[in-house]
Amino acid sequence: MSGAGRWSDLLPRVISALVMVLVGLAAVVQGGIVFLALISMVCGVMIWELARMLSPERPGVALQLALLTGVAFFVAMNLSPVFTAPLLLAPALVGFGQIGKLRLLYTVYAVFITLAGFGMVLVRDGLGFDWMIWVIVIVIVSDVAGYFAGKSIGGAKLWPRVSPNKTWSGTVAGWIGAAVVGFFFGSDLGVGATLVFPSILLAMAAQAGDIAESALKRRAGVKDSSNLIPGHGGLLDRFDGMLGASVLVLIVGQFVGLPAGVM
């Protein structure tokens, strides 16, 4: 591939990324109902993309599941905790009866999406702005470092059968970038270098989310989850890493506690 071709998608990716960062940052700063509304909408759109990929012959079902997800997620965060799990599982369970032969794959990934959204809301509302920014910056930096290292250095593929564009050089660069972010955030948040290793783990979880979405698209036989975002594809393509990182934070937070345990 020529040098120009290798970087041909860079400009639209940068512009789209800047818009997403500005919108996301504004919602994170506001927190509360604004952040919840954004996450509810994002989860709904990702469910729409998921259903369209796995059951393209039923576009009406995809739209219905998207609306159900957005409403159920928003309501779940405003009711007693006893209703949280049933409402978060509703899009997956309803979709199981509506999606075709890939219904099991849909159900598992739909649960993954809503749990990730739940994790993001818990981090923002429970731990605060600084820790939410930590998670977001780790995902962004590991992705950007991996993108540029993979394009520039290339080399051996990480898992060519599932994600042919992922390289070991990009993967390791993502870990290094996450470690640097962890060091600086740890100093700022008063936990020192103890945040370096958890940051690397978070980058690994983000990369796992990326690979999981690549496997999903390969199974569905599509290149992108949708074409909503110029240079990035769909929301699932852009936020697959955030899904993995958020689920890890949610699980660790339940068993270890954050930020005292720092994972």
Protein backbone atom coordinates (compact mmCIF):
# COMPACT_ATOMS: atom_id res chain seq x y z
CA MET A 1 0.00 0.00 0.00
CA SER A 2 1.35 3.47 -0.91
CA GLY A 3 2.06 6.07 1.77
CA ALA A 4 -0.86 8.22 0.62
CA GLY A 5 -3.25 5.26 0.58
CA ARG A 6 -2.14 4.12 3.99
CA TRP A 7 -3.18 7.44 5.55
CA SER A 8 -6.15 8.20 3.27
CA ASP A 9 -8.69 7.80 6.07
CA LEU A 10 -6.85 10.01 8.55
CA LEU A 11 -8.58 13.37 7.88
CA PRO A 12 -12.20 12.14 8.17
CA ARG A 13 -11.23 10.09 11.21
CA VAL A 14 -9.71 13.14 12.92
CA ILE A 15 -12.67 15.41 12.16
CA SER A 16 -15.22 12.84 13.30
CA ALA A 17 -13.18 12.08 16.41
CA LEU A 18 -13.00 15.77 17.35
CA VAL A 19 -16.77 16.11 17.08
CA MET A 20 -17.32 13.00 19.20
CA VAL A 21 -14.80 14.15 21.79
CA LEU A 22 -16.46 17.57 22.11
CA VAL A 23 -19.95 16.10 22.46
CA GLY A 24 -18.78 13.41 24.87
CA LEU A 25 -16.72 15.81 26.96
CA ALA A 26 -19.64 18.22 27.29
CA ALA A 27 -21.86 15.38 28.54
CA VAL A 28 -19.21 14.11 30.96
CA VAL A 29 -18.72 17.61 32.38
CA GLN A 30 -22.46 18.03 32.88
CA GLY A 31 -22.94 14.54 34.32
CA GLY A 32 -26.33 13.63 35.76
CA ILE A 33 -29.30 13.59 33.41
CA VAL A 34 -27.29 14.91 30.44
CA PHE A 35 -24.71 12.14 30.62
CA LEU A 36 -27.41 9.54 31.22
CA ALA A 37 -29.35 10.75 28.18
CA LEU A 38 -26.24 10.50 25.98
CA ILE A 39 -25.38 6.98 27.17
CA SER A 40 -29.02 5.89 26.71
CA MET A 41 -28.97 7.18 23.14
CA VAL A 42 -25.58 5.62 22.37
CA CYS A 43 -26.68 2.23 23.71
CA GLY A 44 -29.85 2.45 21.64
CA VAL A 45 -27.94 3.22 18.44
CA MET A 46 -25.46 0.40 19.08
CA ILE A 47 -28.33 -2.06 19.57
CA TRP A 48 -29.79 -0.79 16.29
CA GLU A 49 -26.48 -1.46 14.54
CA LEU A 50 -26.18 -4.87 16.18
CA ALA A 51 -29.68 -5.97 15.15
CA ARG A 52 -29.19 -4.66 11.59
CA MET A 53 -25.95 -6.61 11.22
CA LEU A 54 -27.35 -9.88 12.53
CA SER A 55 -30.85 -9.63 11.06
CA PRO A 56 -30.67 -7.27 8.06
CA GLU A 57 -33.92 -8.60 6.66
CA ARG A 58 -35.86 -7.07 9.57
CA PRO A 59 -34.94 -3.35 9.77
CA GLY A 60 -38.15 -2.55 11.64
CA VAL A 61 -37.14 -4.87 14.46
CA ALA A 62 -33.76 -3.14 14.73
CA LEU A 63 -35.44 0.23 15.16
CA GLN A 64 -37.88 -1.12 17.75
CA LEU A 65 -35.05 -2.69 19.77
CA ALA A 66 -33.10 0.58 19.60
CA LEU A 67 -36.03 2.54 20.99
CA LEU A 68 -36.64 -0.08 23.66
CA THR A 69 -32.99 0.05 24.69
CA GLY A 70 -32.82 3.82 24.99
CA VAL A 71 -36.01 4.06 27.02
CA ALA A 72 -35.31 1.00 29.19
CA PHE A 73 -31.78 2.17 29.99
CA PHE A 74 -32.86 5.68 30.89
CA VAL A 75 -35.72 4.44 33.09
CA ALA A 76 -33.52 1.81 34.75
CA MET A 77 -31.17 4.50 36.03
CA ASN A 78 -34.03 6.44 37.58
CA LEU A 79 -35.90 3.67 39.40
CA SER A 80 -35.20 1.51 42.42
CA PRO A 81 -32.21 -0.86 41.95
CA VAL A 82 -34.60 -3.82 42.05
CA PHE A 83 -35.76 -2.85 38.54
CA THR A 84 -32.29 -2.21 37.12
CA ALA A 85 -31.34 -5.73 36.00
CA PRO A 86 -34.71 -6.59 34.36
CA LEU A 87 -34.74 -3.33 32.42
CA LEU A 88 -31.11 -3.63 31.31
CA LEU A 89 -31.73 -7.21 30.15
CA ALA A 90 -34.99 -6.37 28.36
CA PRO A 91 -33.42 -5.43 24.97
CA ALA A 92 -31.44 -8.68 24.92
CA LEU A 93 -34.38 -10.88 25.94
CA VAL A 94 -36.87 -9.23 23.59
CA GLY A 95 -34.38 -9.39 20.74
CA PHE A 96 -33.79 -13.10 21.36
CA GLY A 97 -37.33 -13.72 20.20
CA GLN A 98 -37.08 -11.38 17.20
CA ILE A 99 -33.64 -12.00 15.67
CA GLY A 100 -33.17 -14.96 13.34
CA LYS A 101 -30.56 -17.70 13.48
CA LEU A 102 -27.94 -15.46 15.11
CA ARG A 103 -30.21 -14.68 18.08
CA LEU A 104 -27.78 -16.10 20.65
CA LEU A 105 -24.95 -13.91 19.39
CA TYR A 106 -27.28 -10.92 19.47
CA THR A 107 -28.35 -11.67 23.05
CA VAL A 108 -24.81 -11.97 24.40
CA TYR A 109 -23.61 -8.80 22.69
CA ALA A 110 -26.72 -6.85 23.64
CA VAL A 111 -26.09 -7.68 27.30
CA PHE A 112 -22.48 -6.59 26.78
CA ILE A 113 -23.65 -3.21 25.43
CA THR A 114 -26.11 -2.42 28.23
CA LEU A 115 -23.69 -3.55 30.95
CA ALA A 116 -21.01 -1.30 29.47
CA GLY A 117 -23.41 1.63 29.51
CA PHE A 118 -24.29 0.83 33.10
CA GLY A 119 -20.60 0.78 33.98
CA MET A 120 -20.02 4.20 32.44
CA VAL A 121 -22.91 5.74 34.37
CA LEU A 122 -21.66 4.21 37.61
CA VAL A 123 -18.15 5.56 37.06
CA ARG A 124 -19.37 9.08 36.26
CA ASP A 125 -21.96 9.26 39.03
CA GLY A 126 -20.20 7.13 41.62
CA LEU A 127 -16.52 8.00 41.21
CA GLY A 128 -16.76 11.37 39.57
CA PHE A 129 -15.47 13.35 36.64
CA ASP A 130 -11.74 12.62 37.04
CA TRP A 131 -12.13 8.84 37.00
CA MET A 132 -14.49 8.95 34.03
CA ILE A 133 -11.95 11.02 32.13
CA TRP A 134 -9.26 8.47 33.09
CA VAL A 135 -11.25 5.65 31.49
CA ILE A 136 -12.00 7.68 28.36
CA VAL A 137 -8.41 8.91 27.91
CA ILE A 138 -7.02 5.38 28.34
CA VAL A 139 -9.31 4.08 25.60
CA ILE A 140 -8.55 6.98 23.25
CA VAL A 141 -4.79 6.99 23.79
CA SER A 142 -4.43 3.21 23.47
CA ASP A 143 -6.48 3.31 20.26
CA VAL A 144 -4.61 6.26 18.75
CA ALA A 145 -1.19 4.88 19.72
CA GLY A 146 -2.16 1.51 18.28
CA TYR A 147 -3.43 3.10 15.06
CA PHE A 148 -0.29 5.13 14.37
CA ALA A 149 2.13 2.38 15.44
CA GLY A 150 0.29 -0.19 13.38
CA LYS A 151 0.27 2.05 10.31
CA SER A 152 3.88 3.18 10.73
CA ILE A 153 5.61 0.04 11.98
CA GLY A 154 3.34 -2.73 10.80
CA GLY A 155 4.77 -6.18 11.41
CA ALA A 156 3.20 -9.38 12.66
CA LYS A 157 -0.56 -9.54 12.89
CA LEU A 158 -2.16 -10.00 16.28
CA TRP A 159 -5.05 -12.25 15.18
CA PRO A 160 -5.36 -12.17 11.39
CA ARG A 161 -8.35 -14.53 11.16
CA VAL A 162 -10.48 -12.23 13.33
CA SER A 163 -8.98 -8.75 12.94
CA PRO A 164 -6.59 -8.64 9.97
CA ASN A 165 -5.57 -5.00 10.52
CA LYS A 166 -4.43 -5.41 14.13
CA THR A 167 -0.69 -5.78 14.63
CA TRP A 168 1.45 -6.64 17.62
CA SER A 169 3.27 -3.33 17.23
CA GLY A 170 -0.01 -1.43 17.53
CA THR A 171 -1.15 -3.55 20.45
CA VAL A 172 2.04 -2.99 22.45
CA ALA A 173 2.03 0.71 21.59
CA GLY A 174 -1.48 0.88 23.06
CA TRP A 175 -0.21 -0.65 26.31
CA ILE A 176 2.68 1.81 26.47
CA GLY A 177 0.38 4.75 25.82
CA ALA A 178 -1.97 3.55 28.57
CA ALA A 179 0.94 3.20 31.00
CA VAL A 180 2.00 6.80 30.35
CA VAL A 181 -1.55 8.02 30.87
CA GLY A 182 -1.80 5.99 34.07
CA PHE A 183 1.39 7.49 35.43
CA PHE A 184 0.23 11.08 34.92
CA PHE A 185 -3.32 10.45 36.12
CA GLY A 186 -2.01 8.57 39.13
CA SER A 187 0.11 11.54 40.12
CA ASP A 188 -2.83 13.91 39.68
CA LEU A 189 -5.33 11.71 41.53
CA GLY A 190 -3.05 11.01 44.45
CA VAL A 191 -2.53 7.27 43.90
CA GLY A 192 0.90 7.51 42.30
CA ALA A 193 2.37 4.82 40.05
CA THR A 194 -0.16 2.27 41.32
CA LEU A 195 -2.44 3.40 38.48
CA VAL A 196 0.01 2.32 35.76
CA PHE A 197 -0.79 -1.40 35.81
CA PRO A 198 -4.58 -0.93 36.01
CA SER A 199 -4.29 1.45 33.06
CA ILE A 200 -2.57 -1.26 31.02
CA LEU A 201 -5.29 -3.73 32.02
CA LEU A 202 -7.89 -1.22 30.92
CA ALA A 203 -6.15 -0.85 27.55
CA MET A 204 -6.14 -4.64 27.19
CA ALA A 205 -9.86 -4.74 27.93
CA ALA A 206 -10.44 -2.01 25.34
CA GLN A 207 -8.45 -3.98 22.77
CA ALA A 208 -10.44 -7.11 23.66
CA GLY A 209 -13.63 -5.16 23.03
CA ASP A 210 -12.25 -4.11 19.66
CA ILE A 211 -11.40 -7.70 18.74
CA ALA A 212 -14.81 -8.95 19.92
CA GLU A 213 -16.52 -6.45 17.63
CA SER A 214 -14.27 -7.48 14.75
CA ALA A 215 -15.29 -11.10 15.31
CA LEU A 216 -18.93 -10.03 15.41
CA LYS A 217 -18.64 -8.21 12.07
CA ARG A 218 -16.81 -11.13 10.50
CA ARG A 219 -19.59 -13.48 11.64
CA ALA A 220 -22.21 -11.10 10.23
CA GLY A 221 -20.26 -10.64 7.00
CA VAL A 222 -19.99 -6.84 7.14
CA LYS A 223 -17.08 -4.39 7.08
CA ASP A 224 -18.57 -1.74 9.39
CA SER A 225 -21.41 -1.79 11.90
CA SER A 226 -22.98 1.14 9.99
CA ASN A 227 -21.91 4.27 8.11
CA LEU A 228 -23.05 6.84 10.67
CA ILE A 229 -19.58 8.27 11.40
CA PRO A 230 -17.32 9.34 8.50
CA GLY A 231 -13.96 7.58 8.72
CA HIS A 232 -15.06 5.36 11.60
CA GLY A 233 -18.10 3.39 10.45
CA GLY A 234 -20.68 3.10 13.20
CA LEU A 235 -20.87 3.69 16.93
CA LEU A 236 -20.01 0.06 17.59
CA ASP A 237 -16.88 0.50 15.48
CA ARG A 238 -15.90 3.59 17.41
CA PHE A 239 -16.90 2.59 20.93
CA ASP A 240 -16.04 -1.11 20.92
CA GLY A 241 -12.99 -0.38 23.06
CA MET A 242 -15.05 1.66 25.50
CA LEU A 243 -17.42 -1.28 25.86
CA GLY A 244 -14.61 -3.60 26.92
CA ALA A 245 -13.06 -1.07 29.29
CA SER A 246 -16.38 -0.16 30.91
CA VAL A 247 -17.34 -3.78 31.53
CA LEU A 248 -13.95 -4.41 33.16
CA VAL A 249 -14.37 -1.39 35.44
CA LEU A 250 -17.89 -2.53 36.31
CA ILE A 251 -16.76 -6.05 37.22
CA VAL A 252 -13.68 -4.95 39.15
CA GLY A 253 -15.65 -2.25 40.93
CA GLN A 254 -18.13 -4.84 42.18
CA PHE A 255 -15.50 -7.22 43.55
CA VAL A 256 -12.53 -5.03 44.45
CA GLY A 257 -13.88 -1.51 44.74
CA LEU A 258 -12.72 1.71 43.13
CA PRO A 259 -10.87 3.94 43.45
CA ALA A 260 -9.48 2.73 46.80
CA GLY A 261 -8.41 -0.62 45.30
CA VAL A 262 -7.42 1.02 41.98
CA MET A 263 -8.31 -2.32 40.41
